[in-house]
């Protein structure tokens, strides 16, 4: 299973020089808690250079009482985040995310351009669906067995 088959292709991005208030407003209006920070110098493609979460804002800005108005996304974002290729194995990526202690990663194409976001939630949903399919197959086999080989 490849990451590109299961990632969310609708990615909410922000520029590194955007203010934190703007980032918070984007998160609120788009109903997300995760923004991919993209290189604003590349006119051809969106290159991820960091990520910003709602938790980053709370823990690094509000909790210590920093001046929100004086900070930009680049001041708070996570630099060098885990980045997945759309051709990566989903299971291996989930292990990598777990080891890094993060739940989401930007997904890039072979040229490094942003194409999606993958989250642990996506893998959980996939595994849940697979387990339901397997469970249904087992029940079906049992029904067929009872019908074709009655006691």
C-alpha atoms as a PDB file:
ATOM      1  CA  UNK A   1       0.000   0.000   0.000  1.00  0.00           C
ATOM      2  CA  UNK A   2       1.472   3.286  -1.117  1.00  0.00           C
ATOM      3  CA  UNK A   3       1.071   6.581   0.718  1.00  0.00           C
ATOM      4  CA  UNK A   4      -0.155   8.334  -2.431  1.00  0.00           C
ATOM      5  CA  UNK A   5      -3.175   6.031  -2.629  1.00  0.00           C
ATOM      6  CA  UNK A   6      -4.438   7.068   0.804  1.00  0.00           C
ATOM      7  CA  UNK A   7      -3.250  10.616   1.450  1.00  0.00           C
ATOM      8  CA  UNK A   8      -5.596  13.580   1.544  1.00  0.00           C
ATOM      9  CA  UNK A   9      -4.974  15.651  -1.584  1.00  0.00           C
ATOM     10  CA  UNK A  10      -6.678  18.735  -0.146  1.00  0.00           C
ATOM     11  CA  UNK A  11      -3.826  20.410   1.715  1.00  0.00           C
ATOM     12  CA  UNK A  12      -4.092  23.677   3.606  1.00  0.00           C
ATOM     13  CA  UNK A  13      -0.856  25.635   3.303  1.00  0.00           C
ATOM     14  CA  UNK A  14       0.602  28.867   4.604  1.00  0.00           C
ATOM     15  CA  UNK A  15       3.632  31.012   3.838  1.00  0.00           C
ATOM     16  CA  UNK A  16       6.460  31.170   6.398  1.00  0.00           C
ATOM     17  CA  UNK A  17       6.230  34.955   6.790  1.00  0.00           C
ATOM     18  CA  UNK A  18       2.501  34.924   7.577  1.00  0.00           C
ATOM     19  CA  UNK A  19       1.582  36.082  11.050  1.00  0.00           C
ATOM     20  CA  UNK A  20       0.436  33.622  13.686  1.00  0.00           C
ATOM     21  CA  UNK A  21      -2.939  35.337  13.937  1.00  0.00           C
ATOM     22  CA  UNK A  22      -3.413  34.709  10.207  1.00  0.00           C
ATOM     23  CA  UNK A  23      -2.367  31.074  10.659  1.00  0.00           C
ATOM     24  CA  UNK A  24      -4.864  30.643  13.488  1.00  0.00           C
ATOM     25  CA  UNK A  25      -7.606  32.201  11.355  1.00  0.00           C
ATOM     26  CA  UNK A  26      -6.794  29.848   8.460  1.00  0.00           C
ATOM     27  CA  UNK A  27      -6.986  26.879  10.842  1.00  0.00           C
ATOM     28  CA  UNK A  28     -10.314  28.105  12.204  1.00  0.00           C
ATOM     29  CA  UNK A  29     -11.885  28.848   8.826  1.00  0.00           C
ATOM     30  CA  UNK A  30     -10.682  25.592   7.230  1.00  0.00           C
ATOM     31  CA  UNK A  31     -11.429  23.486  10.342  1.00  0.00           C
ATOM     32  CA  UNK A  32      -7.904  22.058  10.508  1.00  0.00           C
ATOM     33  CA  UNK A  33      -5.224  21.909  13.173  1.00  0.00           C
ATOM     34  CA  UNK A  34      -2.323  21.345  10.776  1.00  0.00           C
ATOM     35  CA  UNK A  35      -0.838  23.620   8.130  1.00  0.00           C
ATOM     36  CA  UNK A  36       1.964  22.793   5.730  1.00  0.00           C
ATOM     37  CA  UNK A  37       4.388  25.692   5.494  1.00  0.00           C
ATOM     38  CA  UNK A  38       5.537  26.053   1.893  1.00  0.00           C
ATOM     39  CA  UNK A  39       8.559  27.752   0.365  1.00  0.00           C
ATOM     40  CA  UNK A  40       7.369  31.097  -0.933  1.00  0.00           C
ATOM     41  CA  UNK A  41      10.305  31.485  -3.340  1.00  0.00           C
ATOM     42  CA  UNK A  42       9.313  28.663  -5.700  1.00  0.00           C
ATOM     43  CA  UNK A  43       6.863  29.844  -8.364  1.00  0.00           C
ATOM     44  CA  UNK A  44       6.504  26.381  -9.961  1.00  0.00           C
ATOM     45  CA  UNK A  45       5.532  24.135  -7.097  1.00  0.00           C
ATOM     46  CA  UNK A  46       4.730  24.144  -3.414  1.00  0.00           C
ATOM     47  CA  UNK A  47       7.775  22.825  -1.554  1.00  0.00           C
ATOM     48  CA  UNK A  48       7.115  21.968   2.117  1.00  0.00           C
ATOM     49  CA  UNK A  49       9.653  23.508   4.491  1.00  0.00           C
ATOM     50  CA  UNK A  50       7.813  23.020   7.762  1.00  0.00           C
ATOM     51  CA  UNK A  51       4.532  22.327   9.497  1.00  0.00           C
ATOM     52  CA  UNK A  52       2.503  24.281  12.012  1.00  0.00           C
ATOM     53  CA  UNK A  53      -0.066  22.774  14.354  1.00  0.00           C
ATOM     54  CA  UNK A  54      -2.610  24.329  16.647  1.00  0.00           C
ATOM     55  CA  UNK A  55      -0.687  22.687  19.474  1.00  0.00           C
ATOM     56  CA  UNK A  56       2.522  24.465  18.387  1.00  0.00           C
ATOM     57  CA  UNK A  57       0.732  27.786  18.744  1.00  0.00           C
ATOM     58  CA  UNK A  58      -0.683  26.960  22.167  1.00  0.00           C
ATOM     59  CA  UNK A  59       2.471  25.420  23.661  1.00  0.00           C
ATOM     60  CA  UNK A  60       5.048  27.797  22.177  1.00  0.00           C
ATOM     61  CA  UNK A  61       3.102  31.048  22.128  1.00  0.00           C
ATOM     62  CA  UNK A  62       0.046  31.260  24.363  1.00  0.00           C
ATOM     63  CA  UNK A  63       1.249  29.144  27.298  1.00  0.00           C
ATOM     64  CA  UNK A  64       4.483  31.098  27.805  1.00  0.00           C
ATOM     65  CA  UNK A  65       2.681  34.387  27.152  1.00  0.00           C
ATOM     66  CA  UNK A  66       4.594  35.410  24.025  1.00  0.00           C
ATOM     67  CA  UNK A  67       3.438  38.340  21.903  1.00  0.00           C
ATOM     68  CA  UNK A  68       1.363  36.727  19.149  1.00  0.00           C
ATOM     69  CA  UNK A  69       1.382  39.878  17.045  1.00  0.00           C
ATOM     70  CA  UNK A  70       5.184  39.908  16.931  1.00  0.00           C
ATOM     71  CA  UNK A  71       5.579  36.320  15.721  1.00  0.00           C
ATOM     72  CA  UNK A  72       5.414  34.769  12.273  1.00  0.00           C
ATOM     73  CA  UNK A  73       4.781  31.193  11.241  1.00  0.00           C
ATOM     74  CA  UNK A  74       8.514  30.689  10.640  1.00  0.00           C
ATOM     75  CA  UNK A  75       9.185  31.517  14.312  1.00  0.00           C
ATOM     76  CA  UNK A  76       7.025  28.676  15.605  1.00  0.00           C
ATOM     77  CA  UNK A  77       6.798  26.066  12.832  1.00  0.00           C
ATOM     78  CA  UNK A  78       8.462  22.682  13.026  1.00  0.00           C
ATOM     79  CA  UNK A  79      11.378  22.749  10.604  1.00  0.00           C
ATOM     80  CA  UNK A  80      12.461  19.646   8.722  1.00  0.00           C
ATOM     81  CA  UNK A  81       9.282  17.673   9.449  1.00  0.00           C
ATOM     82  CA  UNK A  82       8.830  14.048   8.509  1.00  0.00           C
ATOM     83  CA  UNK A  83       8.007  14.187   4.801  1.00  0.00           C
ATOM     84  CA  UNK A  84       6.616  11.236   2.887  1.00  0.00           C
ATOM     85  CA  UNK A  85       6.896  10.404  -0.775  1.00  0.00           C
ATOM     86  CA  UNK A  86       3.676   9.364  -2.450  1.00  0.00           C
ATOM     87  CA  UNK A  87       5.534   6.161  -3.384  1.00  0.00           C
ATOM     88  CA  UNK A  88       6.497   5.278   0.217  1.00  0.00           C
ATOM     89  CA  UNK A  89       5.044   2.185   1.851  1.00  0.00           C
ATOM     90  CA  UNK A  90       2.204   3.212   4.163  1.00  0.00           C
ATOM     91  CA  UNK A  91       3.160   0.766   6.926  1.00  0.00           C
ATOM     92  CA  UNK A  92       6.785   1.905   6.965  1.00  0.00           C
ATOM     93  CA  UNK A  93       5.675   5.532   7.099  1.00  0.00           C
ATOM     94  CA  UNK A  94       3.356   4.864  10.045  1.00  0.00           C
ATOM     95  CA  UNK A  95       6.312   3.368  11.915  1.00  0.00           C
ATOM     96  CA  UNK A  96       8.406   6.428  11.050  1.00  0.00           C
ATOM     97  CA  UNK A  97       5.662   8.787  12.268  1.00  0.00           C
ATOM     98  CA  UNK A  98       5.270   6.844  15.512  1.00  0.00           C
ATOM     99  CA  UNK A  99       9.022   6.915  16.127  1.00  0.00           C
ATOM    100  CA  UNK A 100       9.087  10.675  15.462  1.00  0.00           C
ATOM    101  CA  UNK A 101       6.113  11.220  17.781  1.00  0.00           C
ATOM    102  CA  UNK A 102       3.968  12.918  15.138  1.00  0.00           C
ATOM    103  CA  UNK A 103       0.591  12.079  13.626  1.00  0.00           C
ATOM    104  CA  UNK A 104       0.785  13.752  10.215  1.00  0.00           C
ATOM    105  CA  UNK A 105       3.223  14.308   7.378  1.00  0.00           C
ATOM    106  CA  UNK A 106       3.238  16.257   4.131  1.00  0.00           C
ATOM    107  CA  UNK A 107       3.347  14.038   1.038  1.00  0.00           C
ATOM    108  CA  UNK A 108       5.477  15.028  -1.955  1.00  0.00           C
ATOM    109  CA  UNK A 109       5.908  13.854  -5.533  1.00  0.00           C
ATOM    110  CA  UNK A 110       9.203  12.737  -7.066  1.00  0.00           C
ATOM    111  CA  UNK A 111      10.219  16.377  -7.591  1.00  0.00           C
ATOM    112  CA  UNK A 112       9.537  17.388  -3.982  1.00  0.00           C
ATOM    113  CA  UNK A 113       6.291  19.214  -4.728  1.00  0.00           C
ATOM    114  CA  UNK A 114       3.498  19.001  -2.178  1.00  0.00           C
ATOM    115  CA  UNK A 115       0.687  16.660  -3.262  1.00  0.00           C
ATOM    116  CA  UNK A 116      -1.054  15.761  -0.015  1.00  0.00           C
ATOM    117  CA  UNK A 117      -1.032  15.070   3.693  1.00  0.00           C
ATOM    118  CA  UNK A 118      -1.119  11.671   5.354  1.00  0.00           C
ATOM    119  CA  UNK A 119      -2.231  11.149   8.939  1.00  0.00           C
ATOM    120  CA  UNK A 120      -2.232   8.279  11.397  1.00  0.00           C
ATOM    121  CA  UNK A 121      -6.025   8.648  11.291  1.00  0.00           C
ATOM    122  CA  UNK A 122      -5.951   7.684   7.596  1.00  0.00           C
ATOM    123  CA  UNK A 123      -4.054   4.487   8.400  1.00  0.00           C
ATOM    124  CA  UNK A 124      -6.381   3.647  11.299  1.00  0.00           C
ATOM    125  CA  UNK A 125      -9.408   4.041   9.010  1.00  0.00           C
ATOM    126  CA  UNK A 126      -7.755   1.874   6.361  1.00  0.00           C
ATOM    127  CA  UNK A 127      -6.835  -0.884   8.819  1.00  0.00           C
ATOM    128  CA  UNK A 128     -10.331  -0.767  10.317  1.00  0.00           C
ATOM    129  CA  UNK A 129     -11.859  -1.231   6.869  1.00  0.00           C
ATOM    130  CA  UNK A 130      -9.466  -4.086   6.090  1.00  0.00           C
ATOM    131  CA  UNK A 131     -10.307  -5.817   9.370  1.00  0.00           C
ATOM    132  CA  UNK A 132     -14.035  -5.460   8.623  1.00  0.00           C
ATOM    133  CA  UNK A 133     -13.472  -6.991   5.181  1.00  0.00           C
ATOM    134  CA  UNK A 134     -11.490  -9.887   6.666  1.00  0.00           C
ATOM    135  CA  UNK A 135     -14.112 -10.439   9.356  1.00  0.00           C
ATOM    136  CA  UNK A 136     -16.849 -10.499   6.704  1.00  0.00           C
ATOM    137  CA  UNK A 137     -14.886 -13.012   4.654  1.00  0.00           C
ATOM    138  CA  UNK A 138     -14.450 -15.292   7.667  1.00  0.00           C
ATOM    139  CA  UNK A 139     -18.179 -15.155   8.452  1.00  0.00           C
ATOM    140  CA  UNK A 140     -19.021 -15.840   4.810  1.00  0.00           C
ATOM    141  CA  UNK A 141     -16.690 -18.852   4.749  1.00  0.00           C
ATOM    142  CA  UNK A 142     -18.346 -20.199   7.893  1.00  0.00           C
ATOM    143  CA  UNK A 143     -21.819 -19.851   6.318  1.00  0.00           C
ATOM    144  CA  UNK A 144     -20.668 -21.596   3.151  1.00  0.00           C
ATOM    145  CA  UNK A 145     -19.063 -24.370   5.202  1.00  0.00           C
ATOM    146  CA  UNK A 146     -22.278 -24.953   7.189  1.00  0.00           C
ATOM    147  CA  UNK A 147     -24.367 -24.951   4.028  1.00  0.00           C
ATOM    148  CA  UNK A 148     -22.126 -27.281   2.010  1.00  0.00           C
ATOM    149  CA  UNK A 149     -21.116 -29.588   4.879  1.00  0.00           C
ATOM    150  CA  UNK A 150     -24.044 -29.776   7.317  1.00  0.00           C
ATOM    151  CA  UNK A 151     -23.506 -31.679  10.558  1.00  0.00           C
END
